[in-house]
């Protein structure tokens, strides 16, 4: 089992392996001694079989909504982030006089 996990980790880390053709991927799977059924699932991009074999059971995930910001807070942020040009204009006027 650790062979397939190691292989999937390597596949995620190496772009060449992710983008490899079927023959090259099959060769890499064989060299990594990945179980035949799991290797076939990887070659077929069969996520369900991989998930069932590697982490059997029910798969749960949640997504939390971001808290909506108050429009007044956004305006205050924009004011704080906006550069203060008044000082620069006053300085330029003082030097030109």
C-alpha atoms as a PDB file:
ATOM      1  CA  UNK A   1       0.000   0.000   0.000  1.00  0.00           C
ATOM      2  CA  UNK A   2       2.817   2.404   0.766  1.00  0.00           C
ATOM      3  CA  UNK A   3       4.117   1.933  -2.790  1.00  0.00           C
ATOM      4  CA  UNK A   4       1.008   3.498  -4.301  1.00  0.00           C
ATOM      5  CA  UNK A   5       1.002   6.329  -1.767  1.00  0.00           C
ATOM      6  CA  UNK A   6       4.669   7.033  -2.450  1.00  0.00           C
ATOM      7  CA  UNK A   7       4.031   6.884  -6.180  1.00  0.00           C
ATOM      8  CA  UNK A   8       1.056   9.274  -5.995  1.00  0.00           C
ATOM      9  CA  UNK A   9       3.100  11.678  -3.883  1.00  0.00           C
ATOM     10  CA  UNK A  10       5.907  11.514  -6.424  1.00  0.00           C
ATOM     11  CA  UNK A  11       3.408  11.988  -9.247  1.00  0.00           C
ATOM     12  CA  UNK A  12       2.090  15.119  -7.544  1.00  0.00           C
ATOM     13  CA  UNK A  13       5.588  16.503  -7.088  1.00  0.00           C
ATOM     14  CA  UNK A  14       6.994  15.769 -10.555  1.00  0.00           C
ATOM     15  CA  UNK A  15       5.405  17.522 -13.521  1.00  0.00           C
ATOM     16  CA  UNK A  16       7.119  15.129 -15.962  1.00  0.00           C
ATOM     17  CA  UNK A  17       5.435  12.190 -14.291  1.00  0.00           C
ATOM     18  CA  UNK A  18       2.024  13.895 -14.180  1.00  0.00           C
ATOM     19  CA  UNK A  19       2.230  14.661 -17.893  1.00  0.00           C
ATOM     20  CA  UNK A  20       3.751  11.306 -18.898  1.00  0.00           C
ATOM     21  CA  UNK A  21       2.110   9.191 -21.559  1.00  0.00           C
ATOM     22  CA  UNK A  22       0.448   5.873 -20.793  1.00  0.00           C
ATOM     23  CA  UNK A  23       3.491   3.750 -21.653  1.00  0.00           C
ATOM     24  CA  UNK A  24       5.903   5.841 -19.604  1.00  0.00           C
ATOM     25  CA  UNK A  25       3.464   5.929 -16.698  1.00  0.00           C
ATOM     26  CA  UNK A  26       2.961   2.158 -16.862  1.00  0.00           C
ATOM     27  CA  UNK A  27       6.735   1.678 -16.832  1.00  0.00           C
ATOM     28  CA  UNK A  28       7.091   3.954 -13.788  1.00  0.00           C
ATOM     29  CA  UNK A  29       4.272   2.126 -11.994  1.00  0.00           C
ATOM     30  CA  UNK A  30       5.959  -1.217 -12.627  1.00  0.00           C
ATOM     31  CA  UNK A  31       9.312   0.089 -11.385  1.00  0.00           C
ATOM     32  CA  UNK A  32       7.615   1.378  -8.228  1.00  0.00           C
ATOM     33  CA  UNK A  33       6.017  -2.062  -7.646  1.00  0.00           C
ATOM     34  CA  UNK A  34       2.493  -0.622  -7.480  1.00  0.00           C
ATOM     35  CA  UNK A  35      -0.232  -3.297  -7.198  1.00  0.00           C
ATOM     36  CA  UNK A  36      -1.803  -4.246 -10.556  1.00  0.00           C
ATOM     37  CA  UNK A  37      -5.343  -3.088  -9.715  1.00  0.00           C
ATOM     38  CA  UNK A  38      -4.100   0.208  -8.357  1.00  0.00           C
ATOM     39  CA  UNK A  39      -1.774   0.709 -11.311  1.00  0.00           C
ATOM     40  CA  UNK A  40      -4.698   0.099 -13.680  1.00  0.00           C
ATOM     41  CA  UNK A  41      -6.791   2.631 -11.755  1.00  0.00           C
ATOM     42  CA  UNK A  42      -4.025   5.221 -12.011  1.00  0.00           C
ATOM     43  CA  UNK A  43      -3.613   4.595 -15.730  1.00  0.00           C
ATOM     44  CA  UNK A  44      -7.379   4.892 -16.236  1.00  0.00           C
ATOM     45  CA  UNK A  45      -7.597   7.975 -13.968  1.00  0.00           C
ATOM     46  CA  UNK A  46     -10.209   6.073 -11.942  1.00  0.00           C
ATOM     47  CA  UNK A  47     -10.434   8.193  -8.797  1.00  0.00           C
ATOM     48  CA  UNK A  48     -13.236   6.132  -7.235  1.00  0.00           C
ATOM     49  CA  UNK A  49     -11.265   2.878  -7.344  1.00  0.00           C
ATOM     50  CA  UNK A  50      -8.161   4.585  -5.987  1.00  0.00           C
ATOM     51  CA  UNK A  51     -10.077   6.196  -3.144  1.00  0.00           C
ATOM     52  CA  UNK A  52     -11.857   2.940  -2.265  1.00  0.00           C
ATOM     53  CA  UNK A  53      -8.631   0.931  -2.234  1.00  0.00           C
ATOM     54  CA  UNK A  54      -6.346   3.476  -0.580  1.00  0.00           C
ATOM     55  CA  UNK A  55      -8.807   4.999   1.913  1.00  0.00           C
ATOM     56  CA  UNK A  56     -11.909   2.809   2.109  1.00  0.00           C
ATOM     57  CA  UNK A  57     -15.031   4.181   3.692  1.00  0.00           C
ATOM     58  CA  UNK A  58     -17.148   7.231   3.255  1.00  0.00           C
ATOM     59  CA  UNK A  59     -15.422  10.373   2.086  1.00  0.00           C
ATOM     60  CA  UNK A  60     -16.656  13.578   3.679  1.00  0.00           C
ATOM     61  CA  UNK A  61     -15.651  17.106   2.934  1.00  0.00           C
ATOM     62  CA  UNK A  62     -16.981  20.477   3.928  1.00  0.00           C
ATOM     63  CA  UNK A  63     -16.723  23.923   2.504  1.00  0.00           C
ATOM     64  CA  UNK A  64     -17.031  26.943   4.712  1.00  0.00           C
ATOM     65  CA  UNK A  65     -18.431  30.130   3.264  1.00  0.00           C
ATOM     66  CA  UNK A  66     -16.343  33.192   3.778  1.00  0.00           C
ATOM     67  CA  UNK A  67     -17.864  35.763   6.041  1.00  0.00           C
ATOM     68  CA  UNK A  68     -19.261  38.635   4.012  1.00  0.00           C
ATOM     69  CA  UNK A  69     -17.635  41.966   4.699  1.00  0.00           C
ATOM     70  CA  UNK A  70     -19.585  45.061   5.565  1.00  0.00           C
ATOM     71  CA  UNK A  71     -19.529  47.529   2.603  1.00  0.00           C
ATOM     72  CA  UNK A  72     -18.546  50.311   5.017  1.00  0.00           C
ATOM     73  CA  UNK A  73     -15.475  48.320   6.047  1.00  0.00           C
ATOM     74  CA  UNK A  74     -14.442  47.989   2.396  1.00  0.00           C
ATOM     75  CA  UNK A  75     -14.687  51.770   1.899  1.00  0.00           C
ATOM     76  CA  UNK A  76     -12.603  52.368   5.018  1.00  0.00           C
ATOM     77  CA  UNK A  77      -9.957  49.913   3.750  1.00  0.00           C
ATOM     78  CA  UNK A  78      -9.836  51.699   0.384  1.00  0.00           C
ATOM     79  CA  UNK A  79      -9.376  55.061   2.090  1.00  0.00           C
ATOM     80  CA  UNK A  80      -6.529  53.705   4.200  1.00  0.00           C
ATOM     81  CA  UNK A  81      -4.830  52.114   1.192  1.00  0.00           C
ATOM     82  CA  UNK A  82      -5.196  55.146  -1.101  1.00  0.00           C
ATOM     83  CA  UNK A  83      -2.022  57.247  -1.285  1.00  0.00           C
ATOM     84  CA  UNK A  84      -2.169  60.704   0.241  1.00  0.00           C
ATOM     85  CA  UNK A  85      -1.399  63.035  -2.674  1.00  0.00           C
ATOM     86  CA  UNK A  86      -2.228  66.250  -0.796  1.00  0.00           C
ATOM     87  CA  UNK A  87       1.166  66.323   0.897  1.00  0.00           C
ATOM     88  CA  UNK A  88       3.004  65.794  -2.378  1.00  0.00           C
ATOM     89  CA  UNK A  89       1.008  68.533  -4.128  1.00  0.00           C
ATOM     90  CA  UNK A  90       1.591  71.000  -1.297  1.00  0.00           C
ATOM     91  CA  UNK A  91       5.300  70.221  -1.324  1.00  0.00           C
ATOM     92  CA  UNK A  92       5.491  70.752  -5.086  1.00  0.00           C
ATOM     93  CA  UNK A  93       3.670  74.090  -4.799  1.00  0.00           C
ATOM     94  CA  UNK A  94       5.964  75.247  -2.008  1.00  0.00           C
ATOM     95  CA  UNK A  95       9.069  74.446  -4.058  1.00  0.00           C
ATOM     96  CA  UNK A  96       7.774  76.163  -7.176  1.00  0.00           C
ATOM     97  CA  UNK A  97       6.995  79.438  -5.360  1.00  0.00           C
END
